[in-house]
N, C-alpha and C. Protein backbone atom coordinates (compact mmCIF):
# COMPACT_ATOMS: atom_id res chain seq x y z
N ARG A 1 0.83 -1.20 0.00
CA ARG A 1 0.00 0.00 0.00
C ARG A 1 0.87 1.25 0.00
N VAL A 2 0.27 2.34 -0.44
CA VAL A 2 0.99 3.61 -0.39
C VAL A 2 1.16 4.02 1.06
N ALA A 3 2.26 4.71 1.34
CA ALA A 3 2.57 5.10 2.71
C ALA A 3 1.43 5.91 3.31
N SER A 4 1.02 5.56 4.50
CA SER A 4 0.01 6.32 5.25
C SER A 4 0.68 6.89 6.50
N ARG A 5 -0.08 7.59 7.31
CA ARG A 5 0.50 8.21 8.51
C ARG A 5 0.97 7.13 9.48
N ARG A 6 2.17 7.27 9.98
CA ARG A 6 2.78 6.28 10.84
C ARG A 6 2.56 6.64 12.32
N THR A 7 2.59 5.62 13.16
CA THR A 7 2.55 5.87 14.60
C THR A 7 3.94 6.00 15.18
N SER A 8 4.96 5.71 14.36
CA SER A 8 6.34 5.80 14.83
C SER A 8 6.80 7.25 14.81
N SER A 9 8.11 7.45 15.07
CA SER A 9 8.64 8.80 15.18
C SER A 9 8.65 9.53 13.85
N ARG A 10 8.73 8.80 12.73
CA ARG A 10 8.72 9.47 11.44
C ARG A 10 7.37 9.26 10.77
N MET A 11 6.89 10.28 10.10
CA MET A 11 5.57 10.22 9.51
C MET A 11 5.60 9.55 8.14
N PHE A 12 6.68 9.76 7.36
CA PHE A 12 6.72 9.30 5.98
C PHE A 12 7.93 8.42 5.73
N ASP A 13 7.82 7.57 4.71
CA ASP A 13 9.00 6.92 4.17
C ASP A 13 9.82 7.97 3.44
N ASN A 14 11.13 7.69 3.29
CA ASN A 14 11.98 8.63 2.58
C ASN A 14 11.48 8.84 1.15
N VAL A 15 11.29 7.73 0.42
CA VAL A 15 10.75 7.77 -0.93
C VAL A 15 9.88 6.53 -1.12
N VAL A 16 8.72 6.71 -1.73
CA VAL A 16 7.85 5.59 -2.09
C VAL A 16 7.93 5.41 -3.60
N VAL A 17 8.32 4.22 -4.05
CA VAL A 17 8.42 3.91 -5.48
C VAL A 17 7.17 3.15 -5.89
N ILE A 18 6.41 3.71 -6.82
CA ILE A 18 5.16 3.11 -7.28
C ILE A 18 5.39 2.48 -8.66
N ASP A 19 5.08 1.18 -8.76
CA ASP A 19 5.10 0.50 -10.06
C ASP A 19 3.72 0.70 -10.69
N CYS A 20 3.66 1.50 -11.75
CA CYS A 20 2.38 1.92 -12.32
C CYS A 20 1.70 0.85 -13.17
N LYS A 21 2.35 -0.26 -13.43
CA LYS A 21 1.76 -1.26 -14.32
C LYS A 21 0.43 -1.76 -13.76
N GLY A 22 -0.60 -1.75 -14.62
CA GLY A 22 -1.89 -2.28 -14.24
C GLY A 22 -2.77 -1.35 -13.43
N HIS A 23 -2.35 -0.09 -13.23
CA HIS A 23 -3.15 0.88 -12.50
C HIS A 23 -3.98 1.72 -13.47
N LEU A 24 -5.12 2.20 -12.99
CA LEU A 24 -5.93 3.14 -13.75
C LEU A 24 -5.40 4.55 -13.53
N LEU A 25 -5.26 5.29 -14.60
CA LEU A 25 -4.59 6.60 -14.58
C LEU A 25 -5.22 7.55 -13.57
N GLY A 26 -6.51 7.80 -13.67
CA GLY A 26 -7.15 8.79 -12.81
C GLY A 26 -7.19 8.38 -11.35
N ARG A 27 -7.46 7.10 -11.09
CA ARG A 27 -7.54 6.63 -9.71
C ARG A 27 -6.17 6.70 -9.03
N LEU A 28 -5.13 6.32 -9.76
CA LEU A 28 -3.79 6.40 -9.18
C LEU A 28 -3.42 7.86 -8.90
N ALA A 29 -3.73 8.76 -9.83
CA ALA A 29 -3.40 10.17 -9.66
C ALA A 29 -4.08 10.75 -8.42
N SER A 30 -5.34 10.41 -8.19
CA SER A 30 -6.07 10.97 -7.06
C SER A 30 -5.47 10.54 -5.72
N VAL A 31 -4.96 9.30 -5.66
CA VAL A 31 -4.32 8.83 -4.42
C VAL A 31 -2.98 9.53 -4.23
N LEU A 32 -2.21 9.65 -5.32
CA LEU A 32 -0.88 10.26 -5.21
C LEU A 32 -0.96 11.73 -4.84
N VAL A 33 -2.00 12.42 -5.30
CA VAL A 33 -2.15 13.84 -4.97
C VAL A 33 -2.22 14.03 -3.46
N LYS A 34 -3.01 13.19 -2.79
CA LYS A 34 -3.16 13.33 -1.33
C LYS A 34 -1.83 13.08 -0.63
N GLU A 35 -1.09 12.07 -1.10
CA GLU A 35 0.20 11.77 -0.48
C GLU A 35 1.21 12.89 -0.71
N LEU A 36 1.24 13.42 -1.92
CA LEU A 36 2.19 14.50 -2.25
C LEU A 36 1.87 15.76 -1.45
N MET A 37 0.60 16.10 -1.36
CA MET A 37 0.22 17.31 -0.64
C MET A 37 0.49 17.17 0.86
N ALA A 38 0.49 15.93 1.34
CA ALA A 38 0.77 15.70 2.76
C ALA A 38 2.26 15.72 3.07
N GLY A 39 3.12 15.65 2.02
CA GLY A 39 4.55 15.74 2.25
C GLY A 39 5.35 14.52 1.83
N GLN A 40 4.69 13.49 1.30
CA GLN A 40 5.40 12.27 0.90
C GLN A 40 6.11 12.46 -0.44
N ARG A 41 7.32 11.92 -0.56
CA ARG A 41 8.05 11.92 -1.83
C ARG A 41 7.69 10.65 -2.59
N VAL A 42 7.34 10.79 -3.87
CA VAL A 42 6.84 9.67 -4.67
C VAL A 42 7.60 9.60 -5.98
N VAL A 43 7.97 8.37 -6.38
CA VAL A 43 8.58 8.11 -7.68
C VAL A 43 7.69 7.11 -8.41
N CYS A 44 7.25 7.45 -9.61
CA CYS A 44 6.40 6.57 -10.42
C CYS A 44 7.23 6.00 -11.56
N VAL A 45 7.31 4.68 -11.65
CA VAL A 45 8.06 4.02 -12.72
C VAL A 45 7.12 3.20 -13.59
N ARG A 46 7.57 2.86 -14.78
CA ARG A 46 6.79 2.11 -15.77
C ARG A 46 5.44 2.79 -16.05
N THR A 47 5.49 4.10 -16.24
CA THR A 47 4.25 4.85 -16.47
C THR A 47 3.61 4.50 -17.81
N GLU A 48 4.40 3.95 -18.74
CA GLU A 48 3.82 3.56 -20.04
C GLU A 48 2.86 2.39 -19.91
N GLU A 49 2.90 1.68 -18.75
CA GLU A 49 2.02 0.53 -18.53
C GLU A 49 0.74 0.90 -17.80
N LEU A 50 0.50 2.19 -17.58
CA LEU A 50 -0.77 2.62 -17.00
C LEU A 50 -1.92 2.27 -17.93
N ASN A 51 -3.11 2.12 -17.36
CA ASN A 51 -4.31 1.83 -18.15
C ASN A 51 -5.29 2.98 -18.06
N ILE A 52 -6.08 3.14 -19.12
CA ILE A 52 -7.17 4.11 -19.14
C ILE A 52 -8.42 3.36 -19.55
N SER A 53 -9.53 3.58 -18.84
CA SER A 53 -10.77 2.93 -19.21
C SER A 53 -11.25 3.47 -20.55
N GLY A 54 -11.88 2.59 -21.33
CA GLY A 54 -12.31 2.97 -22.68
C GLY A 54 -11.34 2.42 -23.72
N SER A 55 -11.84 2.22 -24.92
CA SER A 55 -11.01 1.65 -25.99
C SER A 55 -9.94 2.62 -26.44
N LEU A 56 -8.93 2.09 -27.12
CA LEU A 56 -7.86 2.93 -27.64
C LEU A 56 -8.41 3.94 -28.65
N PHE A 57 -9.32 3.50 -29.49
CA PHE A 57 -9.91 4.39 -30.50
C PHE A 57 -10.61 5.58 -29.85
N ARG A 58 -11.39 5.30 -28.81
CA ARG A 58 -12.12 6.37 -28.12
C ARG A 58 -11.15 7.36 -27.46
N ASN A 59 -10.11 6.84 -26.82
CA ASN A 59 -9.16 7.72 -26.14
C ASN A 59 -8.31 8.51 -27.14
N LYS A 60 -8.06 7.94 -28.31
CA LYS A 60 -7.35 8.70 -29.35
C LYS A 60 -8.20 9.88 -29.82
N LEU A 61 -9.51 9.69 -29.95
CA LEU A 61 -10.38 10.80 -30.34
C LEU A 61 -10.37 11.90 -29.29
N LYS A 62 -10.42 11.50 -28.00
CA LYS A 62 -10.42 12.48 -26.93
C LYS A 62 -9.10 13.24 -26.87
N PHE A 63 -7.98 12.53 -27.09
CA PHE A 63 -6.68 13.19 -27.06
C PHE A 63 -6.51 14.11 -28.26
N ALA A 64 -7.03 13.70 -29.42
CA ALA A 64 -6.95 14.56 -30.61
C ALA A 64 -7.74 15.85 -30.40
N TYR A 65 -8.87 15.73 -29.70
CA TYR A 65 -9.66 16.93 -29.38
C TYR A 65 -8.89 17.84 -28.44
N PHE A 66 -8.16 17.24 -27.48
CA PHE A 66 -7.34 18.00 -26.54
C PHE A 66 -6.21 18.72 -27.28
N LEU A 67 -5.65 18.10 -28.32
CA LEU A 67 -4.54 18.71 -29.06
C LEU A 67 -4.97 19.99 -29.78
N LYS A 68 -6.26 20.13 -30.04
CA LYS A 68 -6.74 21.32 -30.75
C LYS A 68 -6.84 22.54 -29.84
N LYS A 69 -6.78 22.32 -28.54
CA LYS A 69 -6.88 23.45 -27.59
C LYS A 69 -5.53 24.16 -27.52
N ARG A 70 -5.51 25.43 -27.85
CA ARG A 70 -4.26 26.18 -27.85
C ARG A 70 -4.57 27.67 -27.77
N THR A 71 -3.54 28.44 -27.48
CA THR A 71 -3.65 29.89 -27.54
C THR A 71 -3.62 30.32 -29.00
N ASN A 72 -4.65 30.96 -29.44
CA ASN A 72 -4.81 31.23 -30.87
C ASN A 72 -3.72 32.16 -31.41
N THR A 73 -3.33 33.14 -30.61
CA THR A 73 -2.35 34.12 -31.10
C THR A 73 -0.92 33.61 -30.96
N THR A 74 -0.61 33.00 -29.80
CA THR A 74 0.74 32.50 -29.53
C THR A 74 0.65 31.10 -28.94
N PRO A 75 0.64 30.05 -29.79
CA PRO A 75 0.43 28.69 -29.30
C PRO A 75 1.45 28.23 -28.25
N LYS A 76 2.68 28.77 -28.29
CA LYS A 76 3.70 28.31 -27.35
C LYS A 76 3.38 28.72 -25.91
N LYS A 77 2.42 29.64 -25.73
CA LYS A 77 2.03 30.04 -24.39
C LYS A 77 1.16 28.98 -23.70
N GLY A 78 0.67 28.03 -24.46
CA GLY A 78 -0.07 26.93 -23.85
C GLY A 78 -1.48 26.81 -24.41
N PRO A 79 -2.17 25.75 -23.99
CA PRO A 79 -1.69 24.68 -23.12
C PRO A 79 -0.64 23.80 -23.80
N ILE A 80 0.25 23.23 -23.00
CA ILE A 80 1.31 22.37 -23.51
C ILE A 80 0.79 20.93 -23.55
N HIS A 81 0.90 20.28 -24.71
CA HIS A 81 0.36 18.93 -24.87
C HIS A 81 1.51 17.92 -24.77
N PHE A 82 1.72 17.38 -23.58
CA PHE A 82 2.79 16.40 -23.39
C PHE A 82 2.40 15.08 -24.05
N ARG A 83 3.40 14.44 -24.70
CA ARG A 83 3.15 13.16 -25.35
C ARG A 83 3.70 11.97 -24.56
N ALA A 84 4.73 12.19 -23.76
CA ALA A 84 5.34 11.10 -23.00
C ALA A 84 4.40 10.64 -21.89
N PRO A 85 4.27 9.32 -21.66
CA PRO A 85 3.35 8.81 -20.63
C PRO A 85 3.62 9.38 -19.24
N GLY A 86 4.91 9.54 -18.89
CA GLY A 86 5.23 10.09 -17.58
C GLY A 86 4.73 11.51 -17.41
N ARG A 87 4.89 12.30 -18.46
CA ARG A 87 4.43 13.69 -18.38
C ARG A 87 2.91 13.79 -18.44
N ILE A 88 2.26 12.84 -19.11
CA ILE A 88 0.79 12.81 -19.10
C ILE A 88 0.29 12.55 -17.68
N LEU A 89 0.92 11.58 -16.99
CA LEU A 89 0.56 11.32 -15.59
C LEU A 89 0.84 12.55 -14.74
N TRP A 90 1.99 13.19 -14.94
CA TRP A 90 2.35 14.40 -14.19
C TRP A 90 1.30 15.49 -14.38
N ARG A 91 0.82 15.65 -15.61
CA ARG A 91 -0.17 16.70 -15.89
C ARG A 91 -1.52 16.38 -15.26
N VAL A 92 -1.89 15.09 -15.24
CA VAL A 92 -3.14 14.69 -14.59
C VAL A 92 -3.07 14.99 -13.10
N ILE A 93 -1.94 14.68 -12.49
CA ILE A 93 -1.76 14.97 -11.06
C ILE A 93 -1.80 16.47 -10.80
N ARG A 94 -1.12 17.22 -11.65
CA ARG A 94 -1.13 18.69 -11.49
C ARG A 94 -2.54 19.25 -11.59
N GLY A 95 -3.36 18.67 -12.48
CA GLY A 95 -4.73 19.14 -12.65
C GLY A 95 -5.61 18.92 -11.43
N MET A 96 -5.21 18.02 -10.54
CA MET A 96 -5.98 17.75 -9.32
C MET A 96 -5.48 18.58 -8.14
N MET A 97 -4.50 19.45 -8.38
CA MET A 97 -3.92 20.27 -7.31
C MET A 97 -4.24 21.75 -7.57
N PRO A 98 -4.24 22.56 -6.53
CA PRO A 98 -4.24 24.02 -6.73
C PRO A 98 -2.82 24.45 -7.10
N HIS A 99 -2.39 24.11 -8.33
CA HIS A 99 -0.96 24.08 -8.64
C HIS A 99 -0.29 25.45 -8.72
N LYS A 100 -1.06 26.52 -8.57
CA LYS A 100 -0.44 27.85 -8.58
C LYS A 100 -0.09 28.33 -7.18
N THR A 101 -0.40 27.53 -6.17
CA THR A 101 -0.04 27.89 -4.81
C THR A 101 1.35 27.35 -4.48
N ALA A 102 1.98 27.94 -3.50
CA ALA A 102 3.34 27.51 -3.11
C ALA A 102 3.32 26.08 -2.58
N ARG A 103 2.27 25.72 -1.85
CA ARG A 103 2.18 24.37 -1.27
C ARG A 103 2.10 23.32 -2.36
N ALA A 104 1.30 23.56 -3.38
CA ALA A 104 1.16 22.59 -4.46
C ALA A 104 2.42 22.53 -5.32
N LYS A 105 3.09 23.67 -5.52
CA LYS A 105 4.35 23.66 -6.27
C LYS A 105 5.40 22.82 -5.54
N ALA A 106 5.44 22.94 -4.22
CA ALA A 106 6.37 22.12 -3.44
C ALA A 106 6.00 20.65 -3.54
N ALA A 107 4.70 20.35 -3.59
CA ALA A 107 4.25 18.96 -3.70
C ALA A 107 4.66 18.38 -5.06
N LEU A 108 4.54 19.16 -6.12
CA LEU A 108 4.95 18.67 -7.45
C LEU A 108 6.45 18.43 -7.52
N ASP A 109 7.21 19.20 -6.75
CA ASP A 109 8.66 18.98 -6.70
C ASP A 109 9.01 17.65 -6.03
N ARG A 110 8.08 17.12 -5.23
CA ARG A 110 8.31 15.83 -4.57
C ARG A 110 7.95 14.64 -5.46
N LEU A 111 7.49 14.91 -6.67
CA LEU A 111 7.06 13.85 -7.58
C LEU A 111 8.09 13.65 -8.70
N LYS A 112 8.42 12.38 -9.00
CA LYS A 112 9.25 12.04 -10.15
C LYS A 112 8.52 10.97 -10.96
N VAL A 113 8.58 11.08 -12.27
CA VAL A 113 7.91 10.11 -13.15
C VAL A 113 8.91 9.62 -14.19
N PHE A 114 8.85 8.31 -14.50
CA PHE A 114 9.77 7.70 -15.45
C PHE A 114 9.03 6.70 -16.32
N GLU A 115 9.42 6.65 -17.59
CA GLU A 115 9.04 5.52 -18.43
C GLU A 115 10.08 4.42 -18.21
N GLY A 116 9.64 3.18 -18.20
CA GLY A 116 10.57 2.09 -17.93
C GLY A 116 10.95 2.06 -16.45
N LEU A 117 12.05 1.39 -16.16
CA LEU A 117 12.48 1.21 -14.77
C LEU A 117 13.97 1.51 -14.67
N PRO A 118 14.35 2.79 -14.57
CA PRO A 118 15.76 3.16 -14.59
C PRO A 118 16.45 2.90 -13.26
N HIS A 119 17.79 2.92 -13.30
CA HIS A 119 18.61 2.85 -12.09
C HIS A 119 18.43 4.14 -11.30
N PRO A 120 18.35 4.12 -9.98
CA PRO A 120 18.53 2.99 -9.05
C PRO A 120 17.23 2.32 -8.64
N TYR A 121 16.11 2.72 -9.25
CA TYR A 121 14.81 2.24 -8.77
C TYR A 121 14.55 0.77 -9.13
N ASP A 122 15.35 0.23 -10.08
CA ASP A 122 15.20 -1.19 -10.40
C ASP A 122 15.69 -2.08 -9.27
N LYS A 123 16.48 -1.51 -8.34
CA LYS A 123 17.00 -2.28 -7.20
C LYS A 123 16.24 -1.98 -5.90
N GLN A 124 15.21 -1.14 -5.99
CA GLN A 124 14.47 -0.75 -4.79
C GLN A 124 13.10 -1.43 -4.76
N LYS A 125 12.56 -1.52 -3.56
CA LYS A 125 11.24 -2.13 -3.40
C LYS A 125 10.18 -1.23 -4.04
N ARG A 126 9.32 -1.86 -4.84
CA ARG A 126 8.26 -1.12 -5.51
C ARG A 126 6.91 -1.51 -4.91
N GLN A 127 6.00 -0.55 -4.90
CA GLN A 127 4.70 -0.77 -4.28
C GLN A 127 3.58 -0.54 -5.30
N VAL A 128 2.38 -1.03 -4.94
CA VAL A 128 1.20 -0.79 -5.76
C VAL A 128 0.15 -0.10 -4.90
N VAL A 129 -0.88 0.42 -5.56
CA VAL A 129 -2.00 1.08 -4.88
C VAL A 129 -3.24 0.24 -5.14
N PRO A 130 -3.67 -0.57 -4.17
CA PRO A 130 -4.79 -1.49 -4.42
C PRO A 130 -6.07 -0.81 -4.90
N GLN A 131 -6.35 0.40 -4.37
CA GLN A 131 -7.59 1.07 -4.75
C GLN A 131 -7.53 1.67 -6.15
N ALA A 132 -6.42 1.49 -6.86
CA ALA A 132 -6.31 1.99 -8.23
C ALA A 132 -6.00 0.89 -9.24
N LEU A 133 -5.91 -0.37 -8.80
CA LEU A 133 -5.58 -1.45 -9.73
C LEU A 133 -6.76 -1.75 -10.66
N ARG A 134 -6.44 -1.91 -11.93
CA ARG A 134 -7.50 -2.11 -12.93
C ARG A 134 -8.31 -3.38 -12.67
N HIS A 135 -7.63 -4.48 -12.34
CA HIS A 135 -8.37 -5.73 -12.19
C HIS A 135 -9.23 -5.77 -10.93
N LEU A 136 -9.06 -4.77 -10.03
CA LEU A 136 -9.92 -4.66 -8.86
C LEU A 136 -11.02 -3.62 -9.04
N ARG A 137 -10.80 -2.65 -9.93
CA ARG A 137 -11.71 -1.52 -10.04
C ARG A 137 -12.51 -1.46 -11.35
N LEU A 138 -12.05 -2.14 -12.38
CA LEU A 138 -12.74 -2.08 -13.67
C LEU A 138 -13.44 -3.42 -13.91
N ARG A 139 -14.69 -3.38 -14.30
CA ARG A 139 -15.44 -4.61 -14.55
C ARG A 139 -14.80 -5.39 -15.68
N PRO A 140 -14.83 -6.73 -15.60
CA PRO A 140 -14.08 -7.56 -16.57
C PRO A 140 -14.48 -7.36 -18.02
N ASN A 141 -15.75 -6.97 -18.26
CA ASN A 141 -16.21 -6.83 -19.65
C ASN A 141 -15.98 -5.44 -20.22
N ARG A 142 -15.34 -4.56 -19.44
CA ARG A 142 -15.13 -3.19 -19.91
C ARG A 142 -13.84 -3.07 -20.71
N LYS A 143 -13.86 -2.22 -21.71
CA LYS A 143 -12.66 -2.01 -22.53
C LYS A 143 -11.70 -1.06 -21.82
N TYR A 144 -10.44 -1.22 -22.13
CA TYR A 144 -9.41 -0.33 -21.60
C TYR A 144 -8.25 -0.30 -22.58
N CYS A 145 -7.36 0.66 -22.42
CA CYS A 145 -6.18 0.74 -23.28
C CYS A 145 -4.96 1.05 -22.43
N ARG A 146 -3.81 0.87 -23.06
CA ARG A 146 -2.52 1.10 -22.40
C ARG A 146 -2.06 2.50 -22.74
N LEU A 147 -1.56 3.23 -21.73
CA LEU A 147 -1.14 4.63 -21.94
C LEU A 147 0.01 4.72 -22.93
N GLY A 148 0.93 3.74 -22.92
CA GLY A 148 2.05 3.77 -23.86
C GLY A 148 1.59 3.67 -25.30
N ASP A 149 0.54 2.87 -25.56
CA ASP A 149 0.01 2.75 -26.92
C ASP A 149 -0.65 4.06 -27.36
N LEU A 150 -1.38 4.68 -26.43
CA LEU A 150 -2.02 5.96 -26.75
C LEU A 150 -0.97 7.03 -27.04
N ALA A 151 0.06 7.11 -26.17
CA ALA A 151 1.11 8.11 -26.36
C ALA A 151 1.87 7.85 -27.66
N GLY A 152 2.12 6.56 -27.98
CA GLY A 152 2.84 6.22 -29.21
C GLY A 152 2.09 6.62 -30.46
N SER A 153 0.76 6.55 -30.40
CA SER A 153 -0.03 6.95 -31.57
C SER A 153 -0.20 8.46 -31.67
N MET A 154 0.20 9.19 -30.62
CA MET A 154 0.03 10.64 -30.61
C MET A 154 1.37 11.40 -30.69
N GLY A 155 2.47 10.67 -30.97
CA GLY A 155 3.72 11.37 -31.20
C GLY A 155 4.88 10.96 -30.32
N TRP A 156 4.64 10.12 -29.29
CA TRP A 156 5.74 9.63 -28.45
C TRP A 156 6.48 8.54 -29.21
N ARG A 157 7.80 8.67 -29.34
CA ARG A 157 8.55 7.82 -30.27
C ARG A 157 9.38 6.72 -29.59
N HIS A 158 9.22 6.52 -28.30
CA HIS A 158 10.11 5.61 -27.58
C HIS A 158 9.40 4.37 -27.04
N ASN A 159 8.23 4.07 -27.56
CA ASN A 159 7.46 2.92 -27.07
C ASN A 159 8.23 1.61 -27.28
N ASP A 160 8.75 1.41 -28.48
CA ASP A 160 9.49 0.18 -28.80
C ASP A 160 10.81 0.11 -28.03
N LEU A 161 11.49 1.24 -27.89
CA LEU A 161 12.76 1.29 -27.16
C LEU A 161 12.56 0.88 -25.69
N ILE A 162 11.54 1.43 -25.06
CA ILE A 162 11.27 1.10 -23.65
C ILE A 162 10.93 -0.38 -23.51
N ALA A 163 10.21 -0.93 -24.49
CA ALA A 163 9.85 -2.35 -24.44
C ALA A 163 11.09 -3.23 -24.52
N ARG A 164 12.04 -2.86 -25.38
CA ARG A 164 13.29 -3.64 -25.50
C ARG A 164 14.11 -3.56 -24.21
N LEU A 165 14.22 -2.36 -23.65
CA LEU A 165 14.99 -2.20 -22.40
C LEU A 165 14.34 -2.97 -21.25
N GLU A 166 13.01 -2.97 -21.22
CA GLU A 166 12.31 -3.69 -20.16
C GLU A 166 12.51 -5.19 -20.29
N GLU A 167 12.56 -5.69 -21.52
CA GLU A 167 12.80 -7.12 -21.73
C GLU A 167 14.19 -7.51 -21.23
N LYS A 168 15.21 -6.68 -21.52
CA LYS A 168 16.56 -6.94 -21.03
C LYS A 168 16.61 -6.90 -19.51
N ARG A 169 15.93 -5.93 -18.92
CA ARG A 169 15.94 -5.81 -17.46
C ARG A 169 15.32 -7.04 -16.80
N GLN A 170 14.25 -7.56 -17.38
CA GLN A 170 13.58 -8.72 -16.79
C GLN A 170 14.45 -9.96 -16.85
N VAL A 171 15.24 -10.09 -17.93
CA VAL A 171 16.17 -11.23 -18.02
C VAL A 171 17.20 -11.15 -16.90
N LYS A 172 17.77 -9.96 -16.69
CA LYS A 172 18.76 -9.77 -15.63
C LYS A 172 18.15 -9.99 -14.25
N ALA A 173 16.92 -9.50 -14.06
CA ALA A 173 16.26 -9.64 -12.76
C ALA A 173 15.97 -11.12 -12.45
N THR A 174 15.59 -11.89 -13.48
CA THR A 174 15.33 -13.31 -13.27
C THR A 174 16.60 -14.05 -12.86
N ALA A 175 17.72 -13.73 -13.53
CA ALA A 175 19.00 -14.37 -13.19
C ALA A 175 19.43 -13.99 -11.78
N TYR A 176 19.24 -12.74 -11.40
CA TYR A 176 19.60 -12.28 -10.05
C TYR A 176 18.76 -13.01 -8.99
N HIS A 177 17.47 -13.15 -9.26
CA HIS A 177 16.57 -13.80 -8.29
C HIS A 177 16.93 -15.28 -8.13
N LYS A 178 17.29 -15.91 -9.23
CA LYS A 178 17.67 -17.33 -9.16
C LYS A 178 18.94 -17.51 -8.32
N THR A 179 19.92 -16.62 -8.54
CA THR A 179 21.17 -16.69 -7.76
C THR A 179 20.90 -16.44 -6.28
N LYS A 180 20.01 -15.49 -5.99
CA LYS A 180 19.67 -15.17 -4.61
C LYS A 180 19.02 -16.36 -3.91
N GLN A 181 18.14 -17.06 -4.62
CA GLN A 181 17.49 -18.23 -4.04
C GLN A 181 18.49 -19.34 -3.74
N GLU A 182 19.45 -19.54 -4.67
CA GLU A 182 20.47 -20.57 -4.47
C GLU A 182 21.34 -20.25 -3.26
N LYS A 183 21.71 -18.97 -3.10
CA LYS A 183 22.52 -18.57 -1.94
C LYS A 183 21.75 -18.77 -0.64
N ALA A 184 20.47 -18.43 -0.65
CA ALA A 184 19.66 -18.60 0.55
C ALA A 184 19.55 -20.08 0.93
N LYS A 185 19.45 -20.94 -0.08
CA LYS A 185 19.38 -22.39 0.18
C LYS A 185 20.68 -22.90 0.81
N LEU A 186 21.82 -22.37 0.32
CA LEU A 186 23.11 -22.77 0.88
C LEU A 186 23.26 -22.33 2.33
N VAL A 187 22.74 -21.14 2.65
CA VAL A 187 22.80 -20.64 4.03
C VAL A 187 22.00 -21.54 4.96
N VAL A 188 20.81 -21.95 4.51
CA VAL A 188 19.97 -22.85 5.33
C VAL A 188 20.68 -24.19 5.55
N GLN A 189 21.28 -24.72 4.49
CA GLN A 189 22.00 -25.98 4.61
C GLN A 189 23.19 -25.87 5.56
N ALA A 190 23.92 -24.74 5.50
CA ALA A 190 25.08 -24.53 6.37
C ALA A 190 24.65 -24.45 7.83
N LYS A 191 23.53 -23.76 8.10
CA LYS A 191 23.03 -23.66 9.47
C LYS A 191 22.61 -25.02 10.00
N ALA A 192 21.97 -25.82 9.13
CA ALA A 192 21.54 -27.15 9.56
C ALA A 192 22.74 -28.06 9.85
N ALA A 193 23.80 -27.94 9.01
CA ALA A 193 24.99 -28.78 9.19
C ALA A 193 25.75 -28.41 10.47
N ALA A 194 25.72 -27.12 10.83
CA ALA A 194 26.46 -26.67 12.02
C ALA A 194 25.59 -26.59 13.26
N GLY A 195 24.37 -27.15 13.17
CA GLY A 195 23.43 -27.04 14.28
C GLY A 195 23.94 -27.67 15.56
N LYS A 196 24.51 -28.88 15.48
CA LYS A 196 24.98 -29.58 16.68
C LYS A 196 26.16 -28.86 17.31
N GLU A 197 27.04 -28.32 16.49
CA GLU A 197 28.21 -27.62 17.02
C GLU A 197 27.83 -26.34 17.76
N LEU A 198 26.72 -25.76 17.35
CA LEU A 198 26.34 -24.46 17.92
C LEU A 198 25.26 -24.57 18.99
N GLU A 199 24.92 -25.78 19.41
CA GLU A 199 23.86 -25.94 20.41
C GLU A 199 24.18 -25.21 21.71
N ALA A 200 25.41 -25.34 22.18
CA ALA A 200 25.80 -24.69 23.44
C ALA A 200 25.74 -23.16 23.30
N VAL A 201 26.25 -22.66 22.18
CA VAL A 201 26.24 -21.20 21.95
C VAL A 201 24.82 -20.68 21.85
N ASN A 202 23.94 -21.40 21.12
CA ASN A 202 22.55 -20.98 20.97
C ASN A 202 21.82 -20.99 22.31
N ALA A 203 22.16 -21.96 23.17
CA ALA A 203 21.53 -22.01 24.48
C ALA A 203 21.91 -20.80 25.32
N GLN A 204 23.19 -20.40 25.26
CA GLN A 204 23.63 -19.21 25.99
C GLN A 204 22.96 -17.95 25.45
N LEU A 205 22.86 -17.85 24.13
CA LEU A 205 22.21 -16.68 23.51
C LEU A 205 20.73 -16.62 23.87
N ALA A 206 20.07 -17.78 23.99
CA ALA A 206 18.66 -17.82 24.31
C ALA A 206 18.40 -17.24 25.69
N VAL A 207 19.37 -17.42 26.61
CA VAL A 207 19.23 -16.88 27.97
C VAL A 207 19.12 -15.36 27.92
N TYR A 208 19.85 -14.75 26.99
CA TYR A 208 19.83 -13.28 26.87
C TYR A 208 18.80 -12.78 25.88
N GLY A 209 17.95 -13.68 25.40
CA GLY A 209 16.85 -13.24 24.53
C GLY A 209 17.17 -13.19 23.05
N TYR A 210 18.25 -13.86 22.62
CA TYR A 210 18.60 -13.85 21.20
C TYR A 210 18.23 -15.19 20.55
């Protein structure tokens, strides 16, 4: 779960890393806004794997309509139409904040968004938000689309690149996990083999509560 208020001496985790795969865009954003405004630092990874309810065709029509909104005299003044999935999530979160206030600007500074799973977050514990997961919140017969596919059809050019990098990362992660399991098995075997030799020491440690 996303970090909530703690009863311990510290209120927040240093950084919460959210794996966005399989989450609904709007529901995830609404939860993150509350955490950011409360002071939590959040990093969102694999934002291209976010889901949006509705078919890809329908969402492409809605995004195309959004692209037509601009300042008629000087388009560079805005609105700015981000194509990258991470920036789309960032903009959705910003839209749920009073983002022109100092408090909301500080909250946005506590947010980081990434496509894929870059270093060092590939080595850190990642969390999910149960109240935003698609398979818990969207009825099974409802259509949905992937944010990376929508962004790719609207001008984002790195969909295939991120997919290749993610495939390589998963191969490395699988090899690392297999090695870790083998080492853990060896440690258990070593403890079992040395059990008789350490009986006296363990008995003394047990007296002191270890």
